[in-house]
Amino acid sequence: MTRWIPAFLIAMLLTAAAHAGNFKVLIARGDARDQEAALLEQFTKVGPHTFEFTTVLHEGGVFDPANLEGMDIVWFPWNGPGHDGNYFMGGAEEAFRNWVAEGHAVWISAFDDNYTDQNGKQIGGWFPIDEYPDVIVQNTGDAEVEITDEGKASGLFSEPNDIDTSALVLDDNWANLPDDFVVLAIRQDNNQPAAWYLEWNGGLYVEFCIDTRDAARAAAAEPLLENGLLFLGNWMETTLAVSPSGKAATTWGALKAAR
């Protein structure tokens, strides 16, 4: 089967290395056990980009949309939007989606399958779940993964670090993703995505179902966290090189990947 490489990946490969960005990142923690924030905060420069971090913990409370002001990226560590029956994004959904649609990016690590929002939606309205009603989160654990062609082209697994995917510890995964989602890695236990991204209304959602609930699991994911920041920074810098049709203006027709 022949697959076209998404426009963002083409534009990123062609232009990202030449452009440096300065980005403000909100690390929105939902579980005090996660170990991602401390690791992320050390990566103030990755590739050509610099990052400034603000960390909040909303466990037991709600996400404050005022925290989005001035931010370029939101990073949800493990269990960020909700866990163990608790949902932290209530009342912030519309503001969050509007912020994403302004051209911002979101990273999502794994979170529990066992909460719903006020409308009974499992993932919650901070994500455009009404547009993708069949998408769910499955109660799963660790698994080996296979990187897709899109994942290889993205740089997520190779820049600046070569990622040993067998060292990563996985947790609950998203499933039933339609073709709008670009799958970067596949779980080998259930053939569902381990990592994906979605360009939505001018913004970006990226998810990788990693588990960072303790120091050992977080340390295994540390190289991926650095790569994730570079991936997000590159996207922020290259979206202007992509036409409104979602295709790189000068190269889309010439480049493709075969699977």
Protein backbone atom coordinates (compact mmCIF):
# COMPACT_ATOMS: atom_id res chain seq x y z
CA MET A 1 0.00 0.00 0.00
CA THR A 2 1.29 3.48 -0.85
CA ARG A 3 1.03 6.19 1.79
CA TRP A 4 1.60 9.92 1.32
CA ILE A 5 3.78 11.48 4.00
CA PRO A 6 1.70 14.17 5.75
CA ALA A 7 2.49 17.74 4.78
CA PHE A 8 3.71 18.71 8.22
CA LEU A 9 6.39 16.03 8.12
CA ILE A 10 7.58 17.16 4.70
CA ALA A 11 7.70 20.79 5.74
CA MET A 12 9.48 19.90 8.96
CA LEU A 13 12.18 17.94 7.16
CA LEU A 14 12.75 20.74 4.66
CA THR A 15 12.70 23.81 6.88
CA ALA A 16 12.89 23.11 10.61
CA ALA A 17 16.67 22.94 10.90
CA ALA A 18 16.99 26.49 9.58
CA HIS A 19 14.57 28.09 12.06
CA ALA A 20 14.89 28.57 15.81
CA GLY A 21 11.93 29.20 18.05
CA ASN A 22 11.44 30.37 21.62
CA PHE A 23 8.50 28.63 23.25
CA LYS A 24 6.66 28.85 26.55
CA VAL A 25 5.51 25.46 27.81
CA LEU A 26 2.82 24.82 30.42
CA ILE A 27 3.37 21.46 32.13
CA ALA A 28 -0.13 20.64 33.40
CA ARG A 29 0.23 17.85 35.95
CA GLY A 30 -2.77 15.83 37.08
CA ASP A 31 -1.01 13.21 39.22
CA ALA A 32 1.65 14.02 41.82
CA ARG A 33 3.32 10.68 41.13
CA ASP A 34 4.39 11.55 37.57
CA GLN A 35 8.10 12.26 37.14
CA GLU A 36 7.97 14.07 33.78
CA ALA A 37 7.98 17.70 34.91
CA ALA A 38 11.39 17.64 36.57
CA LEU A 39 12.93 15.96 33.53
CA LEU A 40 11.29 18.31 31.04
CA GLU A 41 12.40 21.43 32.90
CA GLN A 42 16.07 20.64 32.24
CA PHE A 43 15.56 20.83 28.46
CA THR A 44 15.72 24.58 28.07
CA LYS A 45 17.38 24.19 24.67
CA VAL A 46 16.71 21.34 22.26
CA GLY A 47 18.06 21.56 18.73
CA PRO A 48 17.65 25.17 17.58
CA HIS A 49 14.76 25.86 19.96
CA THR A 50 14.64 27.24 23.49
CA PHE A 51 11.91 26.39 26.00
CA GLU A 52 10.65 28.17 29.11
CA PHE A 53 8.57 26.06 31.49
CA THR A 54 5.74 26.76 33.92
CA THR A 55 4.48 23.80 35.95
CA VAL A 56 1.08 23.52 37.65
CA LEU A 57 -0.50 20.64 39.56
CA HIS A 58 -4.28 20.43 39.34
CA GLU A 59 -4.75 17.02 40.98
CA GLY A 60 -7.91 17.09 43.06
CA GLY A 61 -9.00 20.34 41.47
CA VAL A 62 -9.58 21.72 38.00
CA PHE A 63 -7.45 23.06 35.20
CA ASP A 64 -7.43 26.86 35.21
CA PRO A 65 -7.71 28.17 31.62
CA ALA A 66 -6.01 31.39 32.75
CA ASN A 67 -2.80 29.36 32.78
CA LEU A 68 -2.96 29.21 28.98
CA GLU A 69 -2.24 32.91 28.60
CA GLY A 70 1.04 33.44 26.78
CA MET A 71 1.71 29.72 26.37
CA ASP A 72 2.73 28.09 23.10
CA ILE A 73 2.64 24.45 24.20
CA VAL A 74 0.75 22.47 26.84
CA TRP A 75 2.37 19.27 28.04
CA PHE A 76 0.11 16.82 29.87
CA PRO A 77 2.33 14.36 31.74
CA TRP A 78 1.07 10.93 32.74
CA ASN A 79 -2.53 11.23 34.00
CA GLY A 80 -2.62 14.94 33.17
CA PRO A 81 -6.28 15.43 32.09
CA GLY A 82 -7.67 13.01 34.69
CA HIS A 83 -7.22 9.70 36.48
CA ASP A 84 -8.86 7.27 38.89
CA GLY A 85 -12.34 8.56 38.13
CA ASN A 86 -11.41 12.24 38.45
CA TYR A 87 -11.63 14.66 35.53
CA PHE A 88 -9.66 17.90 35.79
CA MET A 89 -10.68 19.77 32.63
CA GLY A 90 -14.29 20.52 33.48
CA GLY A 91 -15.24 24.08 32.66
CA ALA A 92 -12.04 24.65 30.67
CA GLU A 93 -12.85 22.66 27.54
CA GLU A 94 -13.99 25.45 25.23
CA ALA A 95 -11.17 27.76 26.26
CA PHE A 96 -8.67 24.96 25.75
CA ARG A 97 -9.93 24.06 22.26
CA ASN A 98 -9.97 27.73 21.29
CA TRP A 99 -6.38 28.03 22.45
CA VAL A 100 -5.36 25.00 20.38
CA ALA A 101 -7.11 26.45 17.33
CA GLU A 102 -4.98 29.59 17.63
CA GLY A 103 -2.03 27.52 16.39
CA HIS A 104 -0.81 25.92 19.61
CA ALA A 105 0.40 22.40 20.38
CA VAL A 106 -0.44 19.80 23.03
CA TRP A 107 1.56 16.78 24.16
CA ILE A 108 -0.39 14.04 25.94
CA SER A 109 1.20 11.16 27.82
CA ALA A 110 -0.92 8.19 28.92
CA PHE A 111 -3.92 8.75 31.17
CA ASP A 112 -6.59 6.54 32.70
CA ASP A 113 -9.55 5.07 30.88
CA ASN A 114 -11.77 5.31 33.96
CA TYR A 115 -13.15 8.87 33.97
CA THR A 116 -15.76 10.76 31.94
CA ASP A 117 -16.51 14.44 31.50
CA GLN A 118 -19.79 16.11 32.40
CA ASN A 119 -21.27 14.91 29.10
CA GLY A 120 -20.28 11.31 29.68
CA LYS A 121 -17.38 11.45 27.25
CA GLN A 122 -14.43 9.33 28.23
CA ILE A 123 -11.60 11.60 26.99
CA GLY A 124 -13.26 14.96 27.57
CA GLY A 125 -14.14 18.08 25.67
CA TRP A 126 -10.64 19.63 25.89
CA PHE A 127 -10.08 17.37 22.88
CA PRO A 128 -12.56 17.57 19.95
CA ILE A 129 -14.17 14.32 21.02
CA ASP A 130 -17.54 15.27 19.51
CA GLU A 131 -15.88 15.23 16.08
CA TYR A 132 -14.36 11.82 16.80
CA PRO A 133 -17.03 10.04 18.89
CA ASP A 134 -15.66 6.54 18.27
CA VAL A 135 -12.25 7.32 19.76
CA ILE A 136 -11.75 5.73 23.17
CA VAL A 137 -9.04 5.00 25.73
CA GLN A 138 -8.39 1.33 26.45
CA ASN A 139 -7.26 -0.13 29.75
CA THR A 140 -3.90 -1.60 28.75
CA GLY A 141 -0.37 -1.87 30.08
CA ASP A 142 3.13 -2.22 28.78
CA ALA A 143 3.83 -3.55 25.27
CA GLU A 144 6.43 -3.56 22.54
CA VAL A 145 5.88 -1.11 19.66
CA GLU A 146 6.57 -0.92 15.95
CA ILE A 147 7.46 2.49 14.50
CA THR A 148 5.49 3.35 11.36
CA ASP A 149 6.93 4.97 8.23
CA GLU A 150 5.37 8.23 9.38
CA GLY A 151 7.02 7.80 12.75
CA LYS A 152 10.40 7.24 11.14
CA ALA A 153 9.97 10.34 8.97
CA SER A 154 8.85 12.48 11.91
CA GLY A 155 12.13 12.46 13.79
CA LEU A 156 10.32 11.70 17.04
CA PHE A 157 12.29 8.48 17.43
CA SER A 158 15.64 9.72 16.13
CA GLU A 159 16.21 13.42 16.86
CA PRO A 160 18.15 14.32 18.88
CA ASN A 161 18.14 10.84 20.47
CA ASP A 162 17.77 7.39 19.01
CA ILE A 163 14.90 5.93 21.01
CA ASP A 164 15.03 2.38 22.30
CA THR A 165 11.30 1.72 22.25
CA SER A 166 11.69 -1.53 24.18
CA ALA A 167 12.91 0.52 27.17
CA LEU A 168 9.71 2.59 27.30
CA VAL A 169 6.91 1.58 29.63
CA LEU A 170 3.44 2.00 28.11
CA ASP A 171 0.04 2.46 29.70
CA ASP A 172 -3.57 2.97 28.59
CA ASN A 173 -3.79 3.72 24.86
CA TRP A 174 -6.17 5.57 22.55
CA ALA A 175 -8.03 3.38 20.04
CA ASN A 176 -10.37 3.49 17.04
CA LEU A 177 -8.56 6.43 15.47
CA PRO A 178 -9.88 7.57 12.06
CA ASP A 179 -7.68 8.55 9.14
CA ASP A 180 -7.35 12.17 10.31
CA PHE A 181 -4.88 10.88 12.91
CA VAL A 182 -1.29 10.19 11.81
CA VAL A 183 -0.07 7.07 13.62
CA LEU A 184 3.61 7.16 14.55
CA ALA A 185 3.90 3.84 16.39
CA ILE A 186 1.75 0.72 16.83
CA ARG A 187 1.41 -1.40 19.94
CA GLN A 188 2.25 -5.03 19.30
CA ASP A 189 -0.24 -6.44 21.82
CA ASN A 190 -3.47 -5.03 20.34
CA ASN A 191 -2.45 -3.36 17.05
CA GLN A 192 -3.66 0.00 18.34
CA PRO A 193 -1.63 3.23 18.24
CA ALA A 194 1.06 3.83 20.82
CA ALA A 195 1.79 7.29 19.41
CA TRP A 196 -0.05 9.60 17.01
CA TYR A 197 -0.65 13.22 16.14
CA LEU A 198 -3.69 15.14 14.91
CA GLU A 199 -3.59 18.54 13.23
CA TRP A 200 -6.89 20.16 14.16
CA ASN A 201 -8.18 23.63 13.24
CA GLY A 202 -4.66 25.03 12.98
CA GLY A 203 -3.39 23.38 16.16
CA LEU A 204 -1.75 20.09 17.07
CA TYR A 205 -2.44 17.22 19.48
CA VAL A 206 0.32 14.62 19.98
CA GLU A 207 -0.12 11.55 22.16
CA PHE A 208 2.28 8.83 23.31
CA CYS A 209 0.93 6.36 25.87
CA ILE A 210 4.02 6.42 28.09
CA ASP A 211 3.93 5.72 31.82
CA THR A 212 6.16 7.93 34.00
CA ARG A 213 4.70 7.22 37.43
CA ASP A 214 8.08 6.54 39.06
CA ALA A 215 11.72 7.45 38.64
CA ALA A 216 12.69 4.31 36.72
CA ARG A 217 9.90 4.59 34.15
CA ALA A 218 10.49 8.30 33.72
CA ALA A 219 14.23 7.81 33.24
CA ALA A 220 13.51 5.31 30.47
CA ALA A 221 11.31 7.93 28.78
CA GLU A 222 13.70 10.86 29.27
CA PRO A 223 15.24 10.72 25.76
CA LEU A 224 11.75 10.59 24.26
CA LEU A 225 10.69 13.66 26.26
CA GLU A 226 13.56 15.63 24.75
CA ASN A 227 12.65 14.39 21.28
CA GLY A 228 9.03 15.33 21.92
CA LEU A 229 9.98 18.91 22.67
CA LEU A 230 11.96 19.10 19.43
CA PHE A 231 9.01 17.60 17.53
CA LEU A 232 6.64 20.22 18.95
CA GLY A 233 9.09 23.06 18.37
CA ASN A 234 9.61 21.99 14.78
CA TRP A 235 5.86 21.87 14.22
CA MET A 236 5.42 25.35 15.63
CA GLU A 237 8.11 26.65 13.30
CA THR A 238 6.98 24.88 10.14
CA THR A 239 3.20 25.26 10.11
CA LEU A 240 3.50 28.54 8.20
CA ALA A 241 5.25 26.63 5.42
CA VAL A 242 2.12 24.54 4.87
CA SER A 243 -0.67 25.85 2.70
CA PRO A 244 -4.30 26.11 3.93
CA SER A 245 -5.04 22.92 2.03
CA GLY A 246 -2.69 21.06 4.35
CA LYS A 247 -0.07 20.41 1.67
CA ALA A 248 3.46 21.65 1.42
CA ALA A 249 3.33 24.28 -1.31
CA THR A 250 6.24 23.19 -3.49
CA THR A 251 6.98 19.58 -2.65
CA TRP A 252 3.78 17.71 -1.82
CA GLY A 253 3.30 16.13 -5.22
CA ALA A 254 6.87 14.91 -5.43
CA LEU A 255 7.39 13.12 -2.13
CA LYS A 256 5.72 9.95 -0.89
CA ALA A 257 6.45 6.90 1.21
CA ALA A 258 5.70 3.31 0.30
CA ARG A 259 4.65 0.78 2.90
